[in-house]
Amino acid sequence: MTGHFESLINDVPGNADFLTSLAAEWDTYGNHCDGLADDVMSSAHLAPEWAGRAREDFGKSLERQRNRYINLGGDCTTASSAISVYAGAVRAGQKYIENLRYQASKLDEEVDNAPDPLEARVENMPAANVLVLEAFIRIESVKRAADRCAQDLARIVHIEPVQVNNKNPTEVGQMVQLSAAENAQIQKDLDALKNGTFNWEGMKQGQIGDCYFLASMAAMAQTPEGQRRLASMIQPHYDEHGNVDGYLVRLPDDPAHPNASPGREVFVHSKYIHGATQGGRVGVYSILEAAWGQNHPGGTNDGGNKPPGINGGMPADSFKVMTGKSATTLESDGSEGSYNPIERVSIITASILHQPMVASTVNTDATYTDGMASVDATVNGQPTQIDLYGAHAYTIVSADANGVTLCNPHGFNPKTGGGRAPATFTLSWEDYEKYYGNTAIGEL
C-alpha cells in the first residue's frame, strides 16, 4: 500500500495525557492552598488568652492571609479547568484525525487494488481533498483552543494588592470568589443589560473610593444603549463542565495604557468583599468594579500611588475608558453664574439626549465641615436638608431649567441632623453650581 492520501492528514498538536496530568497538578495545588487557608485560621486558637488591640489586628491579618490563599486556590482550580478544556480539545481532535486517516486509508486501498492505480488516484483526489480540508479545520480549532488556554492562564492567576492607609494594611481590597448563586444572578443582570431592561438604581458603593467610576457606570446604565454597551464588555467564561466560572471583561480603553486600544482583557471570578453591590447583592456593577481594580496594578490603593490604584479619580477618565470616546468637562468655581448659560444649556441638552453625565463636588469655594456640606434639596417632591460629601461623584439623572437631579452612588444621602434620605434628589442651579465644580458629559 502506498498510503499516499493517509500521509496528507497532519497530526493534531499537543499531548492530551500530559495536559490532563498538568491539570491535575494545578487542581492539587489549589486544594493545598485551601488547606493552608484553614491552617492560617486555626493558628488563631494557639493563644486563646490573648486579647486586646494587638489580638484584633492579628485576627484581621489572619483573615487577609486566609482570603489570599482561598483566592489563589480558586485561581489554580480555574487554571486546572482551562487546561482540562484544552486537553479535551486535543483528545477529541486526535480521535477525529484518526477517523479521517482511516477514511483516507480506505481511499488508498482502492488505489492499490485498482487495475489502473494512477487513474484511481485521480478519481479519489476530490474525496481526499475533502478529508484534508476537514483535518486542517480541526487542527486549526485545536490551535485556537491552545491560544485560548494560554490567554486564560495569563489572565486567571491574580494576586490582589493589599490596600494600605498610612502604612497600615486594611481589609478594603480583600476579594472572595463568586458563588454559583452569585454567578446565576450576574447572568440575569447580563441578560437584562442586553435587553435594555436592567434597573440601574440600587447601586451601593462599598468602602472603596471609586465613586467616580461607579457613578459613571450608573449614568451609562440609565439608557438601553448604555446598558448594551456595559453588557458588551462582559463575556461569561465556562469551565470544562460547561458551567460559568467567571467573566472575561474588556474595557474599550486600557487605563494603564491610555494611548493603546482596545483595553486589556481580565478574568474576573471574585468580588471585592467591601465593594459595590446592586440592591444589596452582587451584580454586574461588582464585576465591572473588580475588572477596574485588576486593570490597575495598585488595586484599591490611591490613584496617586506607585503603582496607581482605583481609589480616587475623575468621571471623564472613566467615561473615556468605558466608551472609548472622550468626555466633555464643564467646570464651576462655585460662584453665582459660574456655569454660564451656554454650559447650562449643554447640560440640559445632554439630559434630553440621554447622554451619561456625572457631577463631582470638587474645585469650588463651598465650605465643607468634616467633609460634609448641608444643602436644601428636593427629595420625592418634598423639601429636605441633606449633607453632600466633598470630593464625591454623583450620577446626574436629569436636568432642566429648574435644576439638576442627582443620585448618590452610596445608595442614600445623610439627612442634616441625622437619619437617611433616598439616594436621588434635586438641587437648584444656584446650589448645583455652588457645590459641583465638575460636570462630565460622556458619549455613547
Protein backbone atom coordinates (compact mmCIF):
# COMPACT_ATOMS: atom_id res chain seq x y z
CA MET A 1 0.00 0.00 0.00
CA THR A 2 1.22 3.47 -0.86
CA GLY A 3 -0.59 5.34 1.99
CA HIS A 4 -0.48 8.49 -0.14
CA PHE A 5 -3.81 10.00 0.90
CA GLU A 6 -3.33 8.97 4.52
CA SER A 7 0.01 10.79 4.60
CA LEU A 8 -1.75 14.07 3.70
CA ILE A 9 -3.58 14.14 7.07
CA ASN A 10 -1.43 16.04 9.56
CA ASP A 11 -1.16 15.37 13.29
CA VAL A 12 -3.03 17.31 15.98
CA PRO A 13 -0.53 19.32 18.07
CA GLY A 14 -0.45 18.66 21.79
CA ASN A 15 -0.25 15.80 24.26
CA ALA A 16 -3.64 15.17 25.86
CA ASP A 17 -2.31 12.83 28.57
CA PHE A 18 0.35 15.32 29.65
CA LEU A 19 -2.21 18.14 29.73
CA THR A 20 -4.60 16.06 31.83
CA SER A 21 -1.77 15.33 34.28
CA LEU A 22 -0.84 19.02 34.39
CA ALA A 23 -4.44 19.97 35.09
CA ALA A 24 -4.49 17.52 37.98
CA GLU A 25 -1.34 19.12 39.41
CA TRP A 26 -2.93 22.57 39.31
CA ASP A 27 -6.04 21.19 40.97
CA THR A 28 -3.95 19.56 43.69
CA TYR A 29 -2.15 22.82 44.35
CA GLY A 30 -5.49 24.62 44.55
CA ASN A 31 -6.66 22.16 47.20
CA HIS A 32 -3.36 22.65 49.01
CA CYS A 33 -4.00 26.41 49.11
CA ASP A 34 -7.43 25.76 50.61
CA GLY A 35 -5.76 23.63 53.27
CA LEU A 36 -3.28 26.41 54.01
CA ALA A 37 -6.20 28.81 54.43
CA ASP A 38 -7.62 26.51 57.11
CA ASP A 39 -4.20 26.22 58.77
CA VAL A 40 -3.87 30.00 58.90
CA MET A 41 -7.17 30.45 60.68
CA SER A 42 -6.53 27.56 63.09
CA SER A 43 -3.40 29.37 64.31
CA ALA A 44 -5.69 31.92 66.00
CA HIS A 45 -6.50 29.29 68.63
CA LEU A 46 -2.88 28.81 69.66
CA ALA A 47 -3.10 31.75 72.07
CA PRO A 48 -6.67 31.65 73.46
CA GLU A 49 -5.92 34.04 76.34
CA TRP A 50 -4.52 36.76 74.10
CA ALA A 51 -6.80 39.80 73.93
CA GLY A 52 -6.70 43.49 73.09
CA ARG A 53 -5.78 45.65 70.12
CA ALA A 54 -2.83 43.50 69.08
CA ARG A 55 -5.05 40.39 69.11
CA GLU A 56 -7.66 42.15 66.95
CA ASP A 57 -5.03 43.28 64.44
CA PHE A 58 -3.60 39.77 64.38
CA GLY A 59 -7.06 38.38 63.62
CA LYS A 60 -7.53 40.82 60.76
CA SER A 61 -4.12 39.87 59.38
CA LEU A 62 -5.07 36.19 59.53
CA GLU A 63 -8.31 36.88 57.68
CA ARG A 64 -6.47 38.77 54.95
CA GLN A 65 -3.99 35.90 54.55
CA ARG A 66 -6.78 33.32 54.56
CA ASN A 67 -8.57 35.17 51.75
CA ARG A 68 -5.35 35.34 49.74
CA TYR A 69 -4.90 31.57 49.99
CA ILE A 70 -8.54 30.93 49.11
CA ASN A 71 -8.37 33.22 46.09
CA LEU A 72 -5.07 31.72 44.95
CA GLY A 73 -6.56 28.25 45.36
CA GLY A 74 -9.54 29.31 43.29
CA ASP A 75 -7.21 30.67 40.62
CA CYS A 76 -5.40 27.32 40.50
CA THR A 77 -8.68 25.40 40.24
CA THR A 78 -9.84 27.67 37.42
CA ALA A 79 -6.47 27.25 35.68
CA SER A 80 -6.86 23.48 36.03
CA SER A 81 -10.25 23.75 34.35
CA ALA A 82 -8.79 25.81 31.48
CA ILE A 83 -6.07 23.20 30.90
CA SER A 84 -8.67 20.41 31.06
CA VAL A 85 -10.73 22.15 28.39
CA TYR A 86 -7.64 22.33 26.18
CA ALA A 87 -6.79 18.68 26.92
CA GLY A 88 -10.31 17.72 25.88
CA ALA A 89 -9.95 19.63 22.63
CA VAL A 90 -6.65 17.87 21.88
CA ARG A 91 -8.03 14.42 22.71
CA ALA A 92 -11.19 14.95 20.65
CA GLY A 93 -9.11 16.36 17.80
CA GLN A 94 -6.81 13.36 17.81
CA LYS A 95 -9.76 10.94 17.61
CA TYR A 96 -11.25 13.00 14.81
CA ILE A 97 -7.97 12.91 12.88
CA GLU A 98 -7.68 9.16 13.43
CA ASN A 99 -11.10 8.72 11.82
CA LEU A 100 -10.11 10.93 8.88
CA ARG A 101 -6.92 8.90 8.43
CA TYR A 102 -8.98 5.71 8.42
CA GLN A 103 -11.17 7.11 5.67
CA ALA A 104 -8.06 8.20 3.75
CA SER A 105 -6.57 4.69 4.14
CA LYS A 106 -9.69 3.25 2.50
CA LEU A 107 -9.13 5.54 -0.47
CA ASP A 108 -5.52 4.33 -0.58
CA GLU A 109 -6.79 0.72 -0.63
CA GLU A 110 -9.00 1.50 -3.60
CA VAL A 111 -6.00 2.95 -5.43
CA ASP A 112 -3.79 -0.04 -4.60
CA ASN A 113 -6.43 -2.54 -5.72
CA ALA A 114 -7.42 -0.71 -8.90
CA PRO A 115 -6.34 -2.03 -12.36
CA ASP A 116 -5.01 1.48 -13.10
CA PRO A 117 -3.71 2.97 -9.81
CA LEU A 118 -2.94 6.35 -11.39
CA GLU A 119 -6.46 6.73 -12.75
CA ALA A 120 -7.91 5.62 -9.38
CA ARG A 121 -5.79 8.19 -7.55
CA VAL A 122 -7.09 10.96 -9.80
CA GLU A 123 -10.68 9.80 -9.29
CA ASN A 124 -10.29 9.72 -5.48
CA MET A 125 -8.46 13.04 -5.27
CA PRO A 126 -11.66 15.16 -4.65
CA ALA A 127 -12.72 12.90 -1.75
CA ALA A 128 -9.19 13.02 -0.35
CA ASN A 129 -9.15 16.84 -0.59
CA VAL A 130 -12.33 16.97 1.47
CA LEU A 131 -10.66 14.89 4.18
CA VAL A 132 -7.54 17.07 4.10
CA LEU A 133 -9.67 20.21 4.44
CA GLU A 134 -11.59 18.73 7.37
CA ALA A 135 -8.30 17.83 9.03
CA PHE A 136 -6.97 21.35 8.51
CA ILE A 137 -10.11 22.89 10.02
CA ARG A 138 -9.98 20.61 13.05
CA ILE A 139 -6.27 21.17 13.64
CA GLU A 140 -6.78 24.93 13.45
CA SER A 141 -9.59 24.66 16.01
CA VAL A 142 -7.24 22.82 18.37
CA LYS A 143 -4.63 25.54 17.86
CA ARG A 144 -7.25 28.13 18.77
CA ALA A 145 -8.05 26.11 21.90
CA ALA A 146 -4.35 26.25 22.76
CA ASP A 147 -4.36 30.03 22.32
CA ARG A 148 -7.47 30.37 24.50
CA CYS A 149 -5.88 28.23 27.20
CA ALA A 150 -2.69 30.32 27.13
CA GLN A 151 -4.73 33.53 27.35
CA ASP A 152 -6.81 32.13 30.20
CA LEU A 153 -3.72 31.14 32.16
CA ALA A 154 -2.24 34.60 31.66
CA ARG A 155 -5.42 36.21 32.99
CA ILE A 156 -6.55 33.79 35.66
CA VAL A 157 -3.86 33.94 38.34
CA HIS A 158 -4.34 37.29 40.05
CA ILE A 159 -2.83 38.47 43.32
CA GLU A 160 -4.82 41.48 44.57
CA PRO A 161 -2.58 44.14 46.15
CA VAL A 162 -3.21 44.86 49.83
CA GLN A 163 -4.71 48.30 50.40
CA VAL A 164 -2.52 50.34 52.71
CA ASN A 165 -3.61 53.51 54.51
CA ASN A 166 -1.00 55.45 56.48
CA LYS A 167 1.37 52.48 56.08
CA ASN A 168 -1.18 50.14 57.70
CA PRO A 169 -2.90 47.37 55.74
CA THR A 170 -6.71 47.42 55.63
CA GLU A 171 -9.42 44.94 54.67
CA VAL A 172 -10.84 47.14 51.91
CA GLY A 173 -9.13 45.41 48.99
CA GLN A 174 -9.93 41.85 50.04
CA MET A 175 -11.64 39.64 47.48
CA VAL A 176 -13.67 36.44 47.65
CA GLN A 177 -14.71 34.10 44.87
CA LEU A 178 -18.19 34.32 43.38
CA SER A 179 -20.60 31.57 44.35
CA ALA A 180 -22.72 29.61 41.88
CA ALA A 181 -25.79 31.56 43.05
CA GLU A 182 -23.99 34.87 42.51
CA ASN A 183 -22.92 33.81 39.01
CA ALA A 184 -26.54 32.93 38.25
CA GLN A 185 -27.67 36.39 39.41
CA ILE A 186 -24.98 38.09 37.34
CA GLN A 187 -26.19 36.13 34.31
CA LYS A 188 -29.69 37.52 34.89
CA ASP A 189 -28.24 41.03 35.11
CA LEU A 190 -26.33 40.47 31.87
CA ASP A 191 -29.49 39.32 30.10
CA ALA A 192 -31.32 42.40 31.36
CA LEU A 193 -28.49 44.67 30.19
CA LYS A 194 -28.55 43.11 26.72
CA ASN A 195 -32.32 43.59 26.55
CA GLY A 196 -32.11 47.16 27.85
CA THR A 197 -34.33 46.29 30.84
CA PHE A 198 -31.76 46.48 33.66
CA ASN A 199 -32.83 48.51 36.71
CA TRP A 200 -29.88 50.86 37.10
CA GLU A 201 -30.96 52.13 40.53
CA GLY A 202 -29.99 50.41 43.76
CA MET A 203 -26.21 50.81 43.47
CA LYS A 204 -24.49 50.94 46.83
CA GLN A 205 -20.85 51.95 46.99
CA GLY A 206 -18.71 49.99 49.41
CA GLN A 207 -15.58 51.12 51.20
CA ILE A 208 -13.54 51.61 48.03
CA GLY A 209 -13.04 55.23 46.96
CA ASP A 210 -14.09 54.71 43.33
CA CYS A 211 -17.29 56.79 43.32
CA TYR A 212 -16.21 58.43 40.06
CA PHE A 213 -16.22 55.03 38.32
CA LEU A 214 -19.42 53.76 39.94
CA ALA A 215 -21.33 56.95 39.21
CA SER A 216 -20.20 56.73 35.59
CA MET A 217 -21.44 53.13 35.33
CA ALA A 218 -24.82 54.11 36.77
CA ALA A 219 -25.01 57.04 34.34
CA MET A 220 -24.46 54.70 31.39
CA ALA A 221 -26.96 52.18 32.75
CA GLN A 222 -29.81 54.72 32.61
CA THR A 223 -30.43 54.07 28.90
CA PRO A 224 -30.87 50.85 26.89
CA GLU A 225 -27.96 51.86 24.65
CA GLY A 226 -25.70 52.41 27.65
CA GLN A 227 -26.82 49.11 29.15
CA ARG A 228 -25.93 47.24 25.99
CA ARG A 229 -22.55 48.97 25.97
CA LEU A 230 -21.87 47.74 29.51
CA ALA A 231 -23.03 44.24 28.58
CA SER A 232 -20.68 44.16 25.60
CA MET A 233 -17.71 44.45 27.97
CA ILE A 234 -18.59 41.22 29.83
CA GLN A 235 -18.40 37.68 28.44
CA PRO A 236 -19.11 34.59 30.57
CA HIS A 237 -16.26 32.10 30.90
CA TYR A 238 -17.02 28.39 31.14
CA ASP A 239 -15.23 25.54 32.88
CA GLU A 240 -14.73 22.04 31.46
CA HIS A 241 -18.24 21.08 32.62
CA GLY A 242 -19.90 23.97 30.81
CA ASN A 243 -20.60 25.95 34.00
CA VAL A 244 -19.88 29.67 34.32
CA ASP A 245 -16.79 30.05 36.49
CA GLY A 246 -16.06 33.72 35.87
CA TYR A 247 -16.18 36.54 33.35
CA LEU A 248 -13.85 37.96 30.74
CA VAL A 249 -14.08 41.74 30.95
CA ARG A 250 -12.57 44.05 28.36
CA LEU A 251 -12.85 47.80 28.80
CA PRO A 252 -12.75 49.68 25.48
CA ASP A 253 -9.65 51.61 26.62
CA ASP A 254 -6.81 50.40 28.83
CA PRO A 255 -6.46 52.78 31.82
CA ALA A 256 -2.85 51.72 32.31
CA HIS A 257 -2.04 52.47 28.65
CA PRO A 258 -4.49 55.19 27.54
CA ASN A 259 -2.96 55.51 24.08
CA ALA A 260 -3.46 51.83 23.30
CA SER A 261 -6.83 50.39 22.36
CA PRO A 262 -8.64 48.15 22.99
CA GLY A 263 -8.11 47.73 26.71
CA ARG A 264 -6.58 44.74 28.41
CA GLU A 265 -8.95 41.85 28.95
CA VAL A 266 -9.04 40.49 32.50
CA PHE A 267 -10.59 37.40 34.05
CA VAL A 268 -12.93 38.11 36.96
CA HIS A 269 -14.16 35.34 39.22
CA SER A 270 -14.05 37.24 42.53
CA LYS A 271 -15.71 40.27 44.06
CA TYR A 272 -14.45 42.87 46.49
CA ILE A 273 -15.81 41.90 49.90
CA HIS A 274 -16.30 45.58 50.69
CA GLY A 275 -17.11 46.61 47.13
CA ALA A 276 -20.15 47.87 45.24
CA THR A 277 -23.45 46.00 45.27
CA GLN A 278 -26.74 46.26 43.39
CA GLY A 279 -29.82 46.20 45.57
CA GLY A 280 -27.71 44.76 48.38
CA ARG A 281 -26.41 41.89 46.25
CA VAL A 282 -23.59 41.12 43.86
CA GLY A 283 -24.29 42.11 40.25
CA VAL A 284 -22.72 43.45 37.10
CA TYR A 285 -21.59 46.58 38.96
CA SER A 286 -19.50 44.29 41.18
CA ILE A 287 -17.98 42.53 38.16
CA LEU A 288 -17.02 45.75 36.40
CA GLU A 289 -15.59 47.20 39.63
CA ALA A 290 -13.42 44.10 40.10
CA ALA A 291 -12.24 44.38 36.48
CA TRP A 292 -11.47 48.07 37.05
CA GLY A 293 -9.31 47.11 40.01
CA GLN A 294 -7.49 44.38 38.08
CA ASN A 295 -6.71 46.91 35.37
CA HIS A 296 -4.78 48.93 37.94
CA PRO A 297 -1.54 47.47 39.32
CA GLY A 298 -2.21 49.18 42.65
CA GLY A 299 -5.60 47.52 43.14
CA THR A 300 -7.80 49.53 45.51
CA ASN A 301 -4.99 51.80 46.69
CA ASP A 302 -4.85 55.51 45.88
CA GLY A 303 -4.61 56.56 42.26
CA GLY A 304 -1.62 58.73 43.11
CA ASN A 305 0.37 55.80 44.46
CA LYS A 306 3.10 54.00 42.57
CA PRO A 307 1.76 51.74 41.20
CA PRO A 308 -1.60 53.54 40.91
CA GLY A 309 -4.87 52.11 42.21
CA ILE A 310 -8.56 52.94 41.72
CA ASN A 311 -9.05 54.97 44.91
CA GLY A 312 -9.71 58.49 43.57
CA GLY A 313 -10.19 59.68 40.02
CA MET A 314 -12.32 61.73 37.65
CA PRO A 315 -15.52 60.67 35.82
CA ALA A 316 -14.30 61.98 32.46
CA ASP A 317 -11.48 59.43 32.58
CA SER A 318 -13.97 56.67 33.44
CA PHE A 319 -16.19 57.58 30.50
CA LYS A 320 -13.17 57.53 28.18
CA VAL A 321 -12.19 54.05 29.37
CA MET A 322 -15.72 52.61 29.24
CA THR A 323 -16.85 54.14 25.96
CA GLY A 324 -13.59 54.66 24.10
CA LYS A 325 -14.72 58.26 23.48
CA SER A 326 -13.56 61.48 25.13
CA ALA A 327 -15.93 63.17 27.55
CA THR A 328 -16.71 66.88 27.78
CA THR A 329 -15.80 68.51 31.09
CA LEU A 330 -17.51 71.68 32.34
CA GLU A 331 -16.19 73.42 35.43
CA SER A 332 -17.57 75.82 38.04
CA ASP A 333 -15.63 77.69 40.71
CA GLY A 334 -18.69 77.86 42.97
CA SER A 335 -19.56 81.49 42.33
CA GLU A 336 -23.00 82.52 41.11
CA GLY A 337 -23.38 82.03 37.38
CA SER A 338 -20.08 80.17 37.02
CA TYR A 339 -21.89 77.64 34.84
CA ASN A 340 -22.69 80.18 32.13
CA PRO A 341 -25.98 79.99 30.18
CA ILE A 342 -24.34 78.06 27.34
CA GLU A 343 -22.95 75.47 29.77
CA ARG A 344 -26.32 75.11 31.49
CA VAL A 345 -27.94 74.56 28.12
CA SER A 346 -25.25 71.98 27.32
CA ILE A 347 -26.11 70.04 30.46
CA ILE A 348 -29.85 70.27 29.82
CA THR A 349 -29.39 69.25 26.18
CA ALA A 350 -27.24 66.29 27.19
CA SER A 351 -30.02 65.26 29.57
CA ILE A 352 -32.62 65.47 26.81
CA LEU A 353 -30.36 63.38 24.55
CA HIS A 354 -29.85 60.84 27.39
CA GLN A 355 -26.08 61.24 27.43
CA PRO A 356 -24.41 59.85 30.57
CA MET A 357 -23.33 62.58 32.99
CA VAL A 358 -21.59 62.71 36.36
CA ALA A 359 -21.12 65.68 38.68
CA SER A 360 -18.33 65.97 41.28
CA THR A 361 -18.12 68.13 44.40
CA VAL A 362 -14.62 69.42 43.64
CA ASN A 363 -12.86 72.67 42.71
CA THR A 364 -15.33 75.01 44.42
CA ASP A 365 -15.16 77.52 47.25
CA ALA A 366 -18.06 75.85 49.07
CA THR A 367 -17.44 75.21 52.74
CA TYR A 368 -17.33 71.58 53.87
CA THR A 369 -17.23 70.80 57.59
CA ASP A 370 -15.66 67.42 58.27
CA GLY A 371 -16.06 66.68 54.57
CA MET A 372 -19.80 67.48 54.52
CA ALA A 373 -21.94 70.43 53.46
CA SER A 374 -25.65 70.90 54.20
CA VAL A 375 -27.88 71.86 51.29
CA ASP A 376 -31.60 72.40 50.69
CA ALA A 377 -32.74 69.69 48.28
CA THR A 378 -35.98 68.24 46.99
CA VAL A 379 -36.45 64.53 47.72
CA ASN A 380 -39.55 62.73 46.48
CA GLY A 381 -41.18 66.11 45.92
CA GLN A 382 -40.51 67.28 49.49
CA PRO A 383 -38.00 69.90 50.67
CA THR A 384 -35.28 68.07 52.59
CA GLN A 385 -31.97 69.15 54.06
CA ILE A 386 -29.24 66.68 53.14
CA ASP A 387 -25.48 66.58 53.54
CA LEU A 388 -23.30 66.47 50.45
CA TYR A 389 -19.94 64.71 50.54
CA GLY A 390 -16.92 66.70 49.49
CA ALA A 391 -14.73 65.27 46.70
CA HIS A 392 -17.51 62.85 45.75
CA ALA A 393 -19.08 61.93 42.41
CA TYR A 394 -22.84 61.80 41.81
CA THR A 395 -24.74 60.43 38.81
CA ILE A 396 -26.81 63.06 37.02
CA VAL A 397 -30.30 61.69 36.46
CA SER A 398 -31.78 64.68 34.63
CA ALA A 399 -31.51 68.44 34.23
CA ASP A 400 -33.94 71.15 33.14
CA ALA A 401 -34.40 74.88 33.53
CA ASN A 402 -35.36 74.48 37.20
CA GLY A 403 -32.37 72.48 38.38
CA VAL A 404 -30.43 69.22 38.37
CA THR A 405 -31.48 65.82 39.71
CA LEU A 406 -28.65 63.64 41.02
CA CYS A 407 -28.14 60.19 42.55
CA ASN A 408 -25.58 59.31 45.20
CA PRO A 409 -23.76 56.01 44.47
CA HIS A 410 -23.73 55.37 48.22
CA GLY A 411 -27.38 54.39 47.84
CA PHE A 412 -28.59 57.07 50.26
CA ASN A 413 -27.93 60.63 51.42
CA PRO A 414 -27.33 61.65 55.04
CA LYS A 415 -30.03 63.96 56.36
CA THR A 416 -28.72 67.08 58.03
CA GLY A 417 -29.08 66.46 61.73
CA GLY A 418 -29.36 62.69 61.44
CA GLY A 419 -31.09 59.93 59.54
CA ARG A 420 -31.03 58.97 55.90
CA ALA A 421 -32.78 60.18 52.78
CA PRO A 422 -33.15 58.36 49.44
CA ALA A 423 -30.21 58.46 47.03
CA THR A 424 -31.92 60.63 44.39
CA PHE A 425 -32.52 64.36 44.96
CA THR A 426 -32.89 67.66 43.08
CA LEU A 427 -30.93 70.90 43.53
CA SER A 428 -31.49 74.37 42.17
CA TRP A 429 -29.00 75.59 39.60
CA GLU A 430 -27.61 78.03 42.16
CA ASP A 431 -26.78 75.25 44.62
CA TYR A 432 -25.60 72.94 41.86
CA GLU A 433 -23.01 75.38 40.60
CA LYS A 434 -22.01 76.23 44.17
CA TYR A 435 -21.19 72.66 45.18
CA TYR A 436 -20.46 70.80 41.95
CA GLY A 437 -17.34 72.19 40.34
CA ASN A 438 -17.03 69.50 37.70
CA THR A 439 -19.59 68.10 35.26
CA ALA A 440 -18.50 65.30 32.92
CA ILE A 441 -20.67 64.61 29.84
CA GLY A 442 -20.00 61.28 28.18
CA GLU A 443 -20.62 59.99 24.66
CA LEU A 444 -22.07 56.59 23.80
